[in-house]
């Protein structure tokens, strides 16, 4: 599962995802030993190593679409990375077609978000997923808008259904703790790739964990099955499958 740069080129390892009649969602997180996925400031980033970053980029390249929530979309110039020669090389190495699709989910999109996901001349296909009632400012050329859900929140099951209709079969999910928790609660996540970095942040700053703002009832706690364990320089790369996923 783990892939990273070595002398002499790029090492890519394929992940065998099952071929289903619906999209297969693979979530990716890196966390500290004490379970923190974010520090109180930029100086705490990155949490993982270069090996973790290379593994993340390989996962993106092996999937049909990358899905972010609003906060993650605003956290970095993701379009720049997705349109870089290095990422294009990964896609070509895997025999995958371009343009690559980048999808952002937000119930309340604004001009700040739309500016951040403006594809301009990147060659990246961008899809903004929002609700029926969301008021949109001017949408940049090249951004498609999917309306999924009549209420205040995006209908996550409908999003997965629309992905299937669009031909997406594998989805790299890089959601924040709130969106990830919502997707897990709806039983829509198939796998979790979790990197454990040999670091301790502590809790003085209220640093978030993999799921925030949601506590599952004892009888509803999601169960996962460990598929593989890899290690590199004291960092652990874990692959889990969710035991119960909505068909």
C-alpha atoms as a PDB file:
ATOM      1  CA  UNK A   1       0.000   0.000   0.000  1.00  0.00           C
ATOM      2  CA  UNK A   2       2.773   2.438   0.878  1.00  0.00           C
ATOM      3  CA  UNK A   3       4.426   4.332  -1.945  1.00  0.00           C
ATOM      4  CA  UNK A   4       7.102   7.009  -1.855  1.00  0.00           C
ATOM      5  CA  UNK A   5       9.940   8.508  -3.829  1.00  0.00           C
ATOM      6  CA  UNK A   6      13.168   6.557  -3.926  1.00  0.00           C
ATOM      7  CA  UNK A   7      16.391   7.085  -5.822  1.00  0.00           C
ATOM      8  CA  UNK A   8      15.805   6.158  -9.426  1.00  0.00           C
ATOM      9  CA  UNK A   9      12.176   7.124  -9.707  1.00  0.00           C
ATOM     10  CA  UNK A  10       8.704   6.923  -8.281  1.00  0.00           C
ATOM     11  CA  UNK A  11       7.490   3.761  -6.608  1.00  0.00           C
ATOM     12  CA  UNK A  12       3.766   3.204  -7.149  1.00  0.00           C
ATOM     13  CA  UNK A  13       1.840   0.379  -5.563  1.00  0.00           C
ATOM     14  CA  UNK A  14      -1.673  -0.383  -6.732  1.00  0.00           C
ATOM     15  CA  UNK A  15      -4.496  -0.795  -4.256  1.00  0.00           C
ATOM     16  CA  UNK A  16      -6.956  -3.440  -5.329  1.00  0.00           C
ATOM     17  CA  UNK A  17     -10.408  -1.918  -4.987  1.00  0.00           C
ATOM     18  CA  UNK A  18     -13.465  -4.103  -5.664  1.00  0.00           C
ATOM     19  CA  UNK A  19     -15.501  -3.398  -8.787  1.00  0.00           C
ATOM     20  CA  UNK A  20     -19.002  -2.569  -7.573  1.00  0.00           C
ATOM     21  CA  UNK A  21     -22.125  -1.164  -9.213  1.00  0.00           C
ATOM     22  CA  UNK A  22     -21.675   1.977  -7.084  1.00  0.00           C
ATOM     23  CA  UNK A  23     -18.783   4.274  -6.146  1.00  0.00           C
ATOM     24  CA  UNK A  24     -16.240   2.913  -3.640  1.00  0.00           C
ATOM     25  CA  UNK A  25     -15.223   5.574  -1.082  1.00  0.00           C
ATOM     26  CA  UNK A  26     -11.723   5.409   0.401  1.00  0.00           C
ATOM     27  CA  UNK A  27     -10.965   7.867   3.205  1.00  0.00           C
ATOM     28  CA  UNK A  28      -7.434   8.959   4.025  1.00  0.00           C
ATOM     29  CA  UNK A  29      -6.163  10.453   7.302  1.00  0.00           C
ATOM     30  CA  UNK A  30      -2.870  11.033   9.063  1.00  0.00           C
ATOM     31  CA  UNK A  31      -2.863  11.406  12.836  1.00  0.00           C
ATOM     32  CA  UNK A  32      -0.507  11.523  15.793  1.00  0.00           C
ATOM     33  CA  UNK A  33      -0.134   8.718  18.324  1.00  0.00           C
ATOM     34  CA  UNK A  34      -2.595  10.564  20.563  1.00  0.00           C
ATOM     35  CA  UNK A  35      -5.146  10.719  17.779  1.00  0.00           C
ATOM     36  CA  UNK A  36      -4.838  14.333  16.618  1.00  0.00           C
ATOM     37  CA  UNK A  37      -5.386  15.124  12.937  1.00  0.00           C
ATOM     38  CA  UNK A  38      -4.607  18.825  13.239  1.00  0.00           C
ATOM     39  CA  UNK A  39      -2.490  21.105  15.375  1.00  0.00           C
ATOM     40  CA  UNK A  40      -3.353  24.568  16.681  1.00  0.00           C
ATOM     41  CA  UNK A  41      -1.259  26.256  13.992  1.00  0.00           C
ATOM     42  CA  UNK A  42       0.500  25.836  10.663  1.00  0.00           C
ATOM     43  CA  UNK A  43       3.794  25.092  12.418  1.00  0.00           C
ATOM     44  CA  UNK A  44       2.370  21.681  13.405  1.00  0.00           C
ATOM     45  CA  UNK A  45       1.962  20.707   9.748  1.00  0.00           C
ATOM     46  CA  UNK A  46       2.734  18.339   8.147  1.00  0.00           C
ATOM     47  CA  UNK A  47       1.852  15.636  10.635  1.00  0.00           C
ATOM     48  CA  UNK A  48       3.137  12.803   8.466  1.00  0.00           C
ATOM     49  CA  UNK A  49       6.386  12.185   6.621  1.00  0.00           C
ATOM     50  CA  UNK A  50       7.274  12.380   2.951  1.00  0.00           C
ATOM     51  CA  UNK A  51       6.289   8.718   2.692  1.00  0.00           C
ATOM     52  CA  UNK A  52       2.810   9.611   3.945  1.00  0.00           C
ATOM     53  CA  UNK A  53       2.524  12.439   1.411  1.00  0.00           C
ATOM     54  CA  UNK A  54       3.594  10.188  -1.449  1.00  0.00           C
ATOM     55  CA  UNK A  55       1.081   7.571  -0.337  1.00  0.00           C
ATOM     56  CA  UNK A  56      -1.661  10.220  -0.303  1.00  0.00           C
ATOM     57  CA  UNK A  57      -0.807  11.390  -3.815  1.00  0.00           C
ATOM     58  CA  UNK A  58      -0.758   7.803  -5.070  1.00  0.00           C
ATOM     59  CA  UNK A  59      -4.207   7.191  -3.608  1.00  0.00           C
ATOM     60  CA  UNK A  60      -5.510  10.256  -5.423  1.00  0.00           C
ATOM     61  CA  UNK A  61      -4.030   9.025  -8.688  1.00  0.00           C
ATOM     62  CA  UNK A  62      -5.601   5.587  -8.303  1.00  0.00           C
ATOM     63  CA  UNK A  63      -9.094   7.026  -7.837  1.00  0.00           C
ATOM     64  CA  UNK A  64     -11.471   8.596 -10.357  1.00  0.00           C
ATOM     65  CA  UNK A  65     -12.228  11.644  -8.243  1.00  0.00           C
ATOM     66  CA  UNK A  66     -10.911  13.488  -5.183  1.00  0.00           C
ATOM     67  CA  UNK A  67     -13.599  14.675  -2.736  1.00  0.00           C
ATOM     68  CA  UNK A  68     -13.002  17.517  -0.268  1.00  0.00           C
ATOM     69  CA  UNK A  69     -15.177  19.501   2.080  1.00  0.00           C
ATOM     70  CA  UNK A  70     -15.026  23.287   2.233  1.00  0.00           C
ATOM     71  CA  UNK A  71     -12.342  23.605   4.922  1.00  0.00           C
ATOM     72  CA  UNK A  72     -10.029  21.122   3.251  1.00  0.00           C
ATOM     73  CA  UNK A  73     -10.521  22.808  -0.120  1.00  0.00           C
ATOM     74  CA  UNK A  74      -9.431  26.127   1.378  1.00  0.00           C
ATOM     75  CA  UNK A  75      -6.420  24.681   3.187  1.00  0.00           C
ATOM     76  CA  UNK A  76      -4.034  24.474   0.237  1.00  0.00           C
ATOM     77  CA  UNK A  77      -3.683  25.032  -3.505  1.00  0.00           C
ATOM     78  CA  UNK A  78      -5.010  21.573  -4.346  1.00  0.00           C
ATOM     79  CA  UNK A  79      -5.670  22.432  -8.000  1.00  0.00           C
ATOM     80  CA  UNK A  80      -1.997  23.274  -8.357  1.00  0.00           C
ATOM     81  CA  UNK A  81      -0.964  19.859  -7.079  1.00  0.00           C
ATOM     82  CA  UNK A  82      -3.539  18.020  -9.165  1.00  0.00           C
ATOM     83  CA  UNK A  83      -2.415  19.771 -12.349  1.00  0.00           C
ATOM     84  CA  UNK A  84       1.318  19.464 -11.652  1.00  0.00           C
ATOM     85  CA  UNK A  85       3.621  17.483 -13.974  1.00  0.00           C
ATOM     86  CA  UNK A  86       4.400  15.155 -11.047  1.00  0.00           C
ATOM     87  CA  UNK A  87       0.744  14.209 -10.582  1.00  0.00           C
ATOM     88  CA  UNK A  88       0.219  13.863 -14.330  1.00  0.00           C
ATOM     89  CA  UNK A  89       3.130  11.421 -14.352  1.00  0.00           C
ATOM     90  CA  UNK A  90       1.423   9.355 -11.671  1.00  0.00           C
ATOM     91  CA  UNK A  91      -1.771   9.202 -13.715  1.00  0.00           C
ATOM     92  CA  UNK A  92       0.122   8.204 -16.857  1.00  0.00           C
ATOM     93  CA  UNK A  93       2.064   5.549 -14.947  1.00  0.00           C
ATOM     94  CA  UNK A  94      -1.227   4.022 -13.860  1.00  0.00           C
ATOM     95  CA  UNK A  95      -2.783   4.321 -17.322  1.00  0.00           C
ATOM     96  CA  UNK A  96      -5.479   6.632 -16.044  1.00  0.00           C
ATOM     97  CA  UNK A  97      -7.289   9.116 -18.232  1.00  0.00           C
ATOM     98  CA  UNK A  98      -7.344  12.882 -17.875  1.00  0.00           C
ATOM     99  CA  UNK A  99      -8.843  15.342 -17.095  1.00  0.00           C
ATOM    100  CA  UNK A 100      -8.831  14.468 -13.423  1.00  0.00           C
ATOM    101  CA  UNK A 101     -11.953  15.356 -11.416  1.00  0.00           C
ATOM    102  CA  UNK A 102     -11.846  17.400  -8.221  1.00  0.00           C
ATOM    103  CA  UNK A 103     -15.076  17.591  -6.220  1.00  0.00           C
ATOM    104  CA  UNK A 104     -15.855  19.937  -3.320  1.00  0.00           C
ATOM    105  CA  UNK A 105     -18.881  19.599  -1.063  1.00  0.00           C
ATOM    106  CA  UNK A 106     -20.315  22.678   0.647  1.00  0.00           C
ATOM    107  CA  UNK A 107     -23.856  23.492   1.774  1.00  0.00           C
ATOM    108  CA  UNK A 108     -22.985  27.191   1.892  1.00  0.00           C
ATOM    109  CA  UNK A 109     -20.553  28.013  -0.931  1.00  0.00           C
ATOM    110  CA  UNK A 110     -19.369  31.607  -1.227  1.00  0.00           C
ATOM    111  CA  UNK A 111     -17.046  33.654  -3.414  1.00  0.00           C
ATOM    112  CA  UNK A 112     -14.020  32.684  -1.300  1.00  0.00           C
ATOM    113  CA  UNK A 113     -14.585  28.997  -1.948  1.00  0.00           C
ATOM    114  CA  UNK A 114     -15.409  29.498  -5.616  1.00  0.00           C
ATOM    115  CA  UNK A 115     -12.233  31.483  -6.111  1.00  0.00           C
ATOM    116  CA  UNK A 116     -10.218  28.686  -4.476  1.00  0.00           C
ATOM    117  CA  UNK A 117     -11.643  26.020  -6.793  1.00  0.00           C
ATOM    118  CA  UNK A 118     -11.498  28.065 -10.006  1.00  0.00           C
ATOM    119  CA  UNK A 119      -9.850  25.654 -12.481  1.00  0.00           C
ATOM    120  CA  UNK A 120      -8.695  28.422 -14.874  1.00  0.00           C
ATOM    121  CA  UNK A 121      -6.237  26.729 -17.234  1.00  0.00           C
ATOM    122  CA  UNK A 122      -5.326  23.816 -14.973  1.00  0.00           C
ATOM    123  CA  UNK A 123      -7.097  21.189 -17.062  1.00  0.00           C
ATOM    124  CA  UNK A 124      -8.801  19.867 -13.925  1.00  0.00           C
ATOM    125  CA  UNK A 125     -12.521  19.139 -14.031  1.00  0.00           C
ATOM    126  CA  UNK A 126     -14.146  20.693 -10.930  1.00  0.00           C
ATOM    127  CA  UNK A 127     -17.537  19.793  -9.466  1.00  0.00           C
ATOM    128  CA  UNK A 128     -19.130  21.828  -6.668  1.00  0.00           C
ATOM    129  CA  UNK A 129     -21.766  19.895  -4.697  1.00  0.00           C
ATOM    130  CA  UNK A 130     -24.283  21.950  -2.750  1.00  0.00           C
ATOM    131  CA  UNK A 131     -27.975  22.079  -1.793  1.00  0.00           C
ATOM    132  CA  UNK A 132     -31.002  23.060  -3.827  1.00  0.00           C
ATOM    133  CA  UNK A 133     -31.486  26.237  -1.811  1.00  0.00           C
ATOM    134  CA  UNK A 134     -27.873  27.438  -1.698  1.00  0.00           C
ATOM    135  CA  UNK A 135     -27.402  30.916  -3.156  1.00  0.00           C
ATOM    136  CA  UNK A 136     -24.415  30.851  -5.470  1.00  0.00           C
ATOM    137  CA  UNK A 137     -22.273  33.825  -6.419  1.00  0.00           C
ATOM    138  CA  UNK A 138     -20.800  33.830  -9.909  1.00  0.00           C
ATOM    139  CA  UNK A 139     -19.536  30.339 -10.700  1.00  0.00           C
ATOM    140  CA  UNK A 140     -16.178  30.228 -12.522  1.00  0.00           C
ATOM    141  CA  UNK A 141     -16.098  28.738 -15.990  1.00  0.00           C
ATOM    142  CA  UNK A 142     -15.238  25.064 -15.788  1.00  0.00           C
ATOM    143  CA  UNK A 143     -16.982  24.436 -12.450  1.00  0.00           C
ATOM    144  CA  UNK A 144     -20.020  22.165 -12.674  1.00  0.00           C
ATOM    145  CA  UNK A 145     -22.658  22.474  -9.937  1.00  0.00           C
ATOM    146  CA  UNK A 146     -24.536  19.505  -8.526  1.00  0.00           C
ATOM    147  CA  UNK A 147     -27.604  20.268  -6.395  1.00  0.00           C
ATOM    148  CA  UNK A 148     -28.019  17.442  -3.895  1.00  0.00           C
ATOM    149  CA  UNK A 149     -30.529  17.865  -1.084  1.00  0.00           C
ATOM    150  CA  UNK A 150     -33.523  20.074  -0.327  1.00  0.00           C
ATOM    151  CA  UNK A 151     -32.636  20.866   3.294  1.00  0.00           C
ATOM    152  CA  UNK A 152     -29.874  22.769   5.016  1.00  0.00           C
ATOM    153  CA  UNK A 153     -27.321  19.964   4.506  1.00  0.00           C
ATOM    154  CA  UNK A 154     -26.124  18.151   1.418  1.00  0.00           C
ATOM    155  CA  UNK A 155     -27.774  14.755   0.884  1.00  0.00           C
ATOM    156  CA  UNK A 156     -24.693  12.517   1.101  1.00  0.00           C
ATOM    157  CA  UNK A 157     -26.372   9.372  -0.201  1.00  0.00           C
ATOM    158  CA  UNK A 158     -27.607  11.329  -3.220  1.00  0.00           C
ATOM    159  CA  UNK A 159     -24.055  12.587  -3.798  1.00  0.00           C
ATOM    160  CA  UNK A 160     -22.777   9.018  -3.985  1.00  0.00           C
ATOM    161  CA  UNK A 161     -25.610   8.124  -6.343  1.00  0.00           C
ATOM    162  CA  UNK A 162     -24.791  11.071  -8.611  1.00  0.00           C
ATOM    163  CA  UNK A 163     -21.140  10.016  -8.613  1.00  0.00           C
ATOM    164  CA  UNK A 164     -22.171   6.601  -9.869  1.00  0.00           C
ATOM    165  CA  UNK A 165     -24.294   8.129 -12.615  1.00  0.00           C
ATOM    166  CA  UNK A 166     -21.276  10.209 -13.658  1.00  0.00           C
ATOM    167  CA  UNK A 167     -19.181   7.065 -14.011  1.00  0.00           C
ATOM    168  CA  UNK A 168     -17.008   7.482 -10.907  1.00  0.00           C
ATOM    169  CA  UNK A 169     -16.159   4.110  -9.381  1.00  0.00           C
ATOM    170  CA  UNK A 170     -13.395   4.967  -6.913  1.00  0.00           C
ATOM    171  CA  UNK A 171     -13.403   8.083  -4.733  1.00  0.00           C
ATOM    172  CA  UNK A 172     -10.490   9.417  -2.669  1.00  0.00           C
ATOM    173  CA  UNK A 173     -12.100  11.038   0.351  1.00  0.00           C
ATOM    174  CA  UNK A 174     -10.089  13.676   2.210  1.00  0.00           C
ATOM    175  CA  UNK A 175     -12.768  15.120   4.458  1.00  0.00           C
ATOM    176  CA  UNK A 176     -12.439  16.989   7.716  1.00  0.00           C
ATOM    177  CA  UNK A 177     -13.591  15.376  10.992  1.00  0.00           C
ATOM    178  CA  UNK A 178     -17.154  16.711  10.666  1.00  0.00           C
ATOM    179  CA  UNK A 179     -17.810  15.610   7.065  1.00  0.00           C
ATOM    180  CA  UNK A 180     -16.030  12.302   7.579  1.00  0.00           C
ATOM    181  CA  UNK A 181     -18.182  11.617  10.648  1.00  0.00           C
ATOM    182  CA  UNK A 182     -21.342  12.398   8.693  1.00  0.00           C
ATOM    183  CA  UNK A 183     -20.342  10.020   5.890  1.00  0.00           C
ATOM    184  CA  UNK A 184     -19.493   7.277   8.369  1.00  0.00           C
ATOM    185  CA  UNK A 185     -22.822   7.798  10.149  1.00  0.00           C
ATOM    186  CA  UNK A 186     -24.600   7.309   6.818  1.00  0.00           C
ATOM    187  CA  UNK A 187     -22.550   4.114   6.220  1.00  0.00           C
ATOM    188  CA  UNK A 188     -21.126   5.457   2.972  1.00  0.00           C
ATOM    189  CA  UNK A 189     -17.386   4.971   3.569  1.00  0.00           C
ATOM    190  CA  UNK A 190     -15.866   1.678   2.404  1.00  0.00           C
ATOM    191  CA  UNK A 191     -12.258   1.983   3.541  1.00  0.00           C
ATOM    192  CA  UNK A 192     -10.019   4.014   5.802  1.00  0.00           C
ATOM    193  CA  UNK A 193      -6.304   4.450   5.101  1.00  0.00           C
ATOM    194  CA  UNK A 194      -4.814   5.730   8.335  1.00  0.00           C
ATOM    195  CA  UNK A 195      -1.231   6.850   8.850  1.00  0.00           C
ATOM    196  CA  UNK A 196       0.003   6.968  12.450  1.00  0.00           C
ATOM    197  CA  UNK A 197       2.829   9.473  12.849  1.00  0.00           C
ATOM    198  CA  UNK A 198       5.184   8.929  15.823  1.00  0.00           C
ATOM    199  CA  UNK A 199       4.263  12.249  17.441  1.00  0.00           C
ATOM    200  CA  UNK A 200       2.264  13.508  20.432  1.00  0.00           C
ATOM    201  CA  UNK A 201       0.405  16.848  20.277  1.00  0.00           C
ATOM    202  CA  UNK A 202      -1.578  16.809  23.536  1.00  0.00           C
ATOM    203  CA  UNK A 203      -5.017  18.350  24.115  1.00  0.00           C
ATOM    204  CA  UNK A 204      -4.408  21.810  25.578  1.00  0.00           C
ATOM    205  CA  UNK A 205      -5.565  23.476  22.358  1.00  0.00           C
ATOM    206  CA  UNK A 206      -8.591  21.263  21.744  1.00  0.00           C
ATOM    207  CA  UNK A 207      -6.955  19.712  18.686  1.00  0.00           C
ATOM    208  CA  UNK A 208      -9.457  17.634  16.680  1.00  0.00           C
ATOM    209  CA  UNK A 209      -9.531  13.886  16.199  1.00  0.00           C
ATOM    210  CA  UNK A 210     -10.615  11.883  13.166  1.00  0.00           C
ATOM    211  CA  UNK A 211     -14.327  12.476  13.977  1.00  0.00           C
ATOM    212  CA  UNK A 212     -15.549  15.605  15.749  1.00  0.00           C
ATOM    213  CA  UNK A 213     -18.976  16.765  16.884  1.00  0.00           C
ATOM    214  CA  UNK A 214     -20.499  13.286  16.792  1.00  0.00           C
ATOM    215  CA  UNK A 215     -20.745  10.515  19.370  1.00  0.00           C
ATOM    216  CA  UNK A 216     -22.107   7.177  18.181  1.00  0.00           C
ATOM    217  CA  UNK A 217     -24.495   5.297  20.438  1.00  0.00           C
ATOM    218  CA  UNK A 218     -22.943   2.082  21.830  1.00  0.00           C
ATOM    219  CA  UNK A 219     -25.053  -0.136  19.585  1.00  0.00           C
ATOM    220  CA  UNK A 220     -24.205   1.974  16.523  1.00  0.00           C
ATOM    221  CA  UNK A 221     -20.432   2.225  16.871  1.00  0.00           C
ATOM    222  CA  UNK A 222     -18.937   1.507  13.403  1.00  0.00           C
ATOM    223  CA  UNK A 223     -16.715  -1.573  13.268  1.00  0.00           C
ATOM    224  CA  UNK A 224     -13.722  -1.915  10.981  1.00  0.00           C
ATOM    225  CA  UNK A 225     -11.573  -4.822   9.836  1.00  0.00           C
ATOM    226  CA  UNK A 226      -7.797  -4.467   9.584  1.00  0.00           C
ATOM    227  CA  UNK A 227      -6.615  -5.343   6.081  1.00  0.00           C
ATOM    228  CA  UNK A 228      -2.904  -4.526   6.205  1.00  0.00           C
ATOM    229  CA  UNK A 229      -0.149  -2.931   8.264  1.00  0.00           C
ATOM    230  CA  UNK A 230       2.998  -1.368   6.813  1.00  0.00           C
ATOM    231  CA  UNK A 231       5.757   0.567   8.532  1.00  0.00           C
ATOM    232  CA  UNK A 232       8.505   2.961   7.485  1.00  0.00           C
ATOM    233  CA  UNK A 233      10.792   4.880   9.859  1.00  0.00           C
ATOM    234  CA  UNK A 234       8.516   4.358  12.889  1.00  0.00           C
ATOM    235  CA  UNK A 235       5.441   5.504  10.937  1.00  0.00           C
ATOM    236  CA  UNK A 236       2.530   3.080  10.573  1.00  0.00           C
ATOM    237  CA  UNK A 237       0.337   2.782   7.480  1.00  0.00           C
ATOM    238  CA  UNK A 238      -2.933   1.034   8.310  1.00  0.00           C
ATOM    239  CA  UNK A 239      -5.636  -0.100   5.932  1.00  0.00           C
ATOM    240  CA  UNK A 240      -9.117  -0.807   7.285  1.00  0.00           C
ATOM    241  CA  UNK A 241     -12.405  -1.828   5.720  1.00  0.00           C
ATOM    242  CA  UNK A 242     -15.747  -0.850   7.242  1.00  0.00           C
ATOM    243  CA  UNK A 243     -17.758  -3.937   8.065  1.00  0.00           C
ATOM    244  CA  UNK A 244     -21.102  -2.335   7.308  1.00  0.00           C
ATOM    245  CA  UNK A 245     -21.593  -0.127   4.250  1.00  0.00           C
ATOM    246  CA  UNK A 246     -24.841   0.941   2.627  1.00  0.00           C
ATOM    247  CA  UNK A 247     -25.332  -0.886  -0.677  1.00  0.00           C
END
